[in-house]
């Protein structure tokens, strides 16, 4: 099932909830000599709705929220993304953080 990665955040709950208006994918992925970084759009999810795990040599991001009612009806979301980690990533160093704009960053040191 993989090892969970604690999620740090400065999320404030100020986001509004509306169906996705753009691609829900990687904002950016960078594989530096000494650092691996991924940024992922999670602006419609709270920190408690986001799970980051390491499963073998894969980084797994799962974000889900139950149906919510608003003035226009009901909306529910679930996003699963899996990324193969470079072989030189130190999986024990992986950290995740959700910023106030809803961008999830995952970083890892290299071995």
Protein backbone atom coordinates (compact mmCIF):
# COMPACT_ATOMS: atom_id res chain seq x y z
CA UNK A 1 0.00 0.00 0.00
CA UNK A 2 2.94 2.35 0.41
CA UNK A 3 4.26 4.67 3.07
CA UNK A 4 2.35 7.88 3.78
CA UNK A 5 4.16 11.20 3.45
CA UNK A 6 3.05 13.84 6.01
CA UNK A 7 1.43 16.87 4.35
CA UNK A 8 2.50 20.28 5.62
CA UNK A 9 0.32 23.20 4.55
CA UNK A 10 -0.58 26.86 4.84
CA UNK A 11 -4.00 26.29 3.27
CA UNK A 12 -6.59 28.70 4.67
CA UNK A 13 -9.88 27.47 3.23
CA UNK A 14 -10.30 30.62 1.16
CA UNK A 15 -10.73 28.74 -2.12
CA UNK A 16 -14.10 28.62 -3.83
CA UNK A 17 -15.43 25.41 -5.30
CA UNK A 18 -16.25 25.24 -9.01
CA UNK A 19 -15.83 22.53 -11.67
CA UNK A 20 -12.34 22.32 -13.13
CA UNK A 21 -11.79 24.90 -15.85
CA UNK A 22 -8.36 23.65 -16.96
CA UNK A 23 -6.27 20.50 -17.08
CA UNK A 24 -5.84 18.86 -13.69
CA UNK A 25 -2.28 17.72 -14.11
CA UNK A 26 1.26 18.48 -13.19
CA UNK A 27 2.02 22.14 -12.82
CA UNK A 28 5.72 21.36 -13.06
CA UNK A 29 8.15 18.47 -12.55
CA UNK A 30 11.89 19.02 -12.21
CA UNK A 31 14.61 16.42 -11.74
CA UNK A 32 17.69 18.34 -10.58
CA UNK A 33 21.07 16.77 -9.83
CA UNK A 34 20.45 16.95 -6.05
CA UNK A 35 16.65 17.43 -5.79
CA UNK A 36 13.44 16.04 -7.33
CA UNK A 37 10.37 18.31 -7.32
CA UNK A 38 6.75 17.98 -8.44
CA UNK A 39 4.06 20.67 -8.25
CA UNK A 40 0.45 19.54 -8.62
CA UNK A 41 -2.80 21.54 -8.80
CA UNK A 42 -4.94 20.62 -5.77
CA UNK A 43 -6.78 23.92 -5.38
CA UNK A 44 -10.18 22.27 -4.89
CA UNK A 45 -9.08 20.00 -2.04
CA UNK A 46 -8.43 20.57 1.66
CA UNK A 47 -5.30 19.15 3.32
CA UNK A 48 -7.36 16.35 4.90
CA UNK A 49 -8.59 15.31 1.43
CA UNK A 50 -5.08 14.84 -0.01
CA UNK A 51 -2.96 11.74 0.47
CA UNK A 52 0.66 11.45 -0.68
CA UNK A 53 2.33 8.03 -0.56
CA UNK A 54 5.43 6.27 -1.75
CA UNK A 55 4.71 2.83 -3.17
CA UNK A 56 7.98 1.15 -4.15
CA UNK A 57 9.52 3.44 -6.79
CA UNK A 58 6.31 5.40 -7.41
CA UNK A 59 4.93 8.60 -5.90
CA UNK A 60 1.15 8.33 -5.51
CA UNK A 61 -1.08 11.40 -5.05
CA UNK A 62 -4.75 10.82 -4.26
CA UNK A 63 -7.13 13.74 -3.70
CA UNK A 64 -10.83 13.24 -3.10
CA UNK A 65 -13.80 15.06 -1.69
CA UNK A 66 -17.34 13.84 -1.28
CA UNK A 67 -20.26 15.49 -3.00
CA UNK A 68 -20.84 19.07 -1.87
CA UNK A 69 -23.90 21.21 -2.51
CA UNK A 70 -23.72 24.78 -3.69
CA UNK A 71 -26.10 27.26 -5.32
CA UNK A 72 -25.77 25.44 -8.66
CA UNK A 73 -26.18 21.82 -7.56
CA UNK A 74 -23.74 19.18 -6.41
CA UNK A 75 -20.05 18.59 -7.18
CA UNK A 76 -17.66 15.78 -6.22
CA UNK A 77 -14.03 15.27 -7.26
CA UNK A 78 -11.38 12.58 -7.16
CA UNK A 79 -7.93 12.70 -8.74
CA UNK A 80 -5.31 9.95 -8.71
CA UNK A 81 -1.82 10.57 -10.08
CA UNK A 82 1.16 8.23 -10.00
CA UNK A 83 4.70 9.25 -10.94
CA UNK A 84 7.69 6.94 -11.36
CA UNK A 85 10.46 8.28 -9.17
CA UNK A 86 13.98 8.53 -10.57
CA UNK A 87 16.19 5.70 -9.27
CA UNK A 88 18.45 8.13 -7.36
CA UNK A 89 15.65 9.65 -5.23
CA UNK A 90 15.97 9.12 -1.47
CA UNK A 91 12.36 8.09 -0.73
CA UNK A 92 12.86 8.64 3.01
CA UNK A 93 13.46 12.37 2.33
CA UNK A 94 10.16 13.00 0.51
CA UNK A 95 8.16 15.94 1.87
CA UNK A 96 4.89 17.45 0.69
CA UNK A 97 3.39 20.90 1.24
CA UNK A 98 0.11 22.51 0.13
CA UNK A 99 0.40 26.28 -0.30
CA UNK A 100 -2.36 28.85 0.15
CA UNK A 101 -3.19 28.82 -3.57
CA UNK A 102 -3.78 25.07 -3.56
CA UNK A 103 -0.54 23.99 -5.23
CA UNK A 104 0.85 20.79 -3.76
CA UNK A 105 4.64 20.54 -3.88
CA UNK A 106 6.46 17.28 -3.31
CA UNK A 107 10.24 17.35 -2.93
CA UNK A 108 12.89 14.68 -2.38
CA UNK A 109 16.64 14.70 -1.98
CA UNK A 110 18.86 12.54 -4.15
CA UNK A 111 20.97 9.69 -2.75
